[in-house]
Protein backbone atom coordinates (compact mmCIF):
# COMPACT_ATOMS: atom_id res chain seq x y z
CA MET A 1 -68.25 -33.88 -58.08
CA ARG A 2 -67.28 -31.45 -55.32
CA ARG A 3 -66.11 -29.05 -58.01
CA ALA A 4 -69.30 -29.52 -60.03
CA ALA A 5 -71.35 -28.84 -56.90
CA ARG A 6 -70.06 -25.25 -56.96
CA TRP A 7 -71.68 -24.60 -60.33
CA ASP A 8 -75.05 -25.36 -61.89
CA GLY A 9 -75.03 -28.94 -63.09
CA ALA A 10 -73.28 -32.11 -64.12
CA VAL A 11 -73.52 -34.97 -66.59
CA PRO A 12 -72.22 -37.75 -64.35
CA LEU A 13 -70.90 -41.05 -65.63
CA PHE A 14 -71.61 -44.23 -63.72
CA GLU A 15 -69.25 -47.17 -63.82
CA SER A 16 -72.22 -49.52 -63.61
CA ALA A 17 -74.05 -47.92 -66.57
CA ARG A 18 -72.18 -48.14 -69.84
CA HIS A 19 -73.21 -45.87 -72.72
CA GLY A 20 -76.89 -46.40 -73.42
CA HIS A 21 -77.59 -48.25 -70.19
CA VAL A 22 -79.70 -46.55 -67.54
CA PRO A 23 -77.92 -45.78 -64.24
CA ASP A 24 -79.04 -47.46 -61.05
CA VAL A 25 -81.57 -45.37 -59.09
CA ALA A 26 -79.74 -45.92 -55.79
CA GLU A 27 -76.49 -44.62 -57.29
CA VAL A 28 -78.28 -41.57 -58.67
CA ARG A 29 -79.89 -40.88 -55.29
CA GLU A 30 -76.50 -41.19 -53.59
CA LEU A 31 -74.85 -38.83 -56.08
CA VAL A 32 -77.62 -36.24 -55.80
CA GLY A 33 -77.31 -36.35 -52.00
CA TYR A 34 -73.55 -35.95 -52.21
CA VAL A 35 -73.81 -32.89 -54.46
CA ARG A 36 -76.51 -31.29 -52.32
CA GLU A 37 -74.38 -31.87 -49.23
CA HIS A 38 -71.38 -30.15 -50.88
CA ARG A 39 -73.22 -27.18 -52.37
CA THR A 40 -71.92 -23.93 -50.89
CA ALA A 41 -71.95 -20.66 -52.82
CA GLY A 42 -75.05 -20.45 -54.96
CA ALA A 43 -76.73 -23.38 -53.24
CA GLU A 44 -80.06 -21.62 -53.65
CA ARG A 45 -79.71 -21.89 -57.44
CA PRO A 46 -81.03 -25.02 -59.18
CA PHE A 47 -78.57 -27.79 -59.96
CA GLU A 48 -79.13 -29.82 -63.10
CA PHE A 49 -78.44 -33.56 -63.16
CA VAL A 50 -78.30 -34.80 -66.75
CA LEU A 51 -78.68 -38.57 -67.01
CA GLY A 52 -79.07 -40.71 -70.05
CA GLY A 53 -79.66 -44.11 -71.49
CA ALA A 54 -81.84 -45.92 -73.99
CA THR A 55 -85.56 -45.97 -73.27
CA PRO A 56 -88.14 -48.15 -75.00
CA PRO A 57 -90.44 -46.42 -77.52
CA ASP A 58 -93.49 -47.44 -75.48
CA ALA A 59 -94.41 -44.34 -73.47
CA ALA A 60 -95.53 -46.21 -70.34
CA LYS A 61 -92.39 -48.35 -70.25
CA ALA A 62 -90.18 -45.30 -70.79
CA ARG A 63 -91.97 -43.47 -67.96
CA ASP A 64 -91.50 -46.48 -65.67
CA LEU A 65 -87.79 -46.40 -66.46
CA ILE A 66 -87.06 -42.69 -66.00
CA GLY A 67 -89.72 -41.81 -63.40
CA PRO A 68 -87.70 -43.24 -60.49
CA LEU A 69 -84.60 -41.39 -61.77
CA HIS A 70 -86.58 -38.15 -61.79
CA ASP A 71 -87.77 -38.88 -58.26
CA ALA A 72 -84.12 -39.47 -57.26
CA GLY A 73 -83.15 -36.00 -58.52
CA ALA A 74 -82.46 -36.23 -62.27
CA THR A 75 -83.59 -33.07 -64.06
CA TRP A 76 -82.68 -33.85 -67.69
CA TRP A 77 -82.78 -37.00 -69.82
CA ASP A 78 -80.32 -37.59 -72.66
CA GLU A 79 -81.61 -40.35 -74.94
CA ARG A 80 -78.73 -42.59 -76.02
CA GLN A 81 -78.22 -45.69 -78.08
CA VAL A 82 -76.80 -48.86 -76.57
CA GLN A 83 -73.32 -49.25 -78.04
CA THR A 84 -73.55 -52.98 -78.68
CA GLY A 85 -75.74 -55.30 -80.69
CA PRO A 86 -76.78 -55.71 -84.30
CA ASP A 87 -78.59 -52.34 -84.58
CA LEU A 88 -75.61 -50.20 -83.58
CA ASP A 89 -74.97 -48.86 -87.08
CA ARG A 90 -78.55 -48.98 -88.32
CA LEU A 91 -80.70 -45.92 -88.90
CA PRO A 92 -84.22 -47.48 -88.65
CA PRO A 93 -84.05 -48.15 -84.87
CA VAL A 94 -82.92 -44.57 -84.27
CA LEU A 95 -85.72 -43.20 -86.44
CA ARG A 96 -88.31 -45.37 -84.64
CA ARG A 97 -87.16 -43.94 -81.30
CA ILE A 98 -87.29 -40.40 -82.65
CA GLU A 99 -90.80 -40.94 -84.03
CA ALA A 100 -91.94 -42.21 -80.61
CA GLY A 101 -91.04 -38.81 -79.14
CA PRO A 102 -89.31 -37.99 -75.87
CA PRO A 103 -90.15 -39.91 -72.73
CA VAL A 104 -92.49 -38.02 -70.40
CA VAL A 105 -92.59 -38.30 -66.62
């Protein structure tokens, strides 16, 4: 992450958040603080934090899930599918999420 801090963004992975699971807000806040602390050249430029996970199609529930991540410093959201369960290889759940539109903070 020190190397990423020199540039303009990162798509961090969290050990506690497997693919499709939303990272813990405290871990995100800690990571954002770490990167900000280690920014040197170009620190005045924006730094993008791309996080991801699966959000519910209900707009209010999705906002409640990603709002705290935004407040912790996330700047992008990458909608993902949980990689377990009976719907893993099914198209209808993916289409339902697409039809619901992107989550809005």
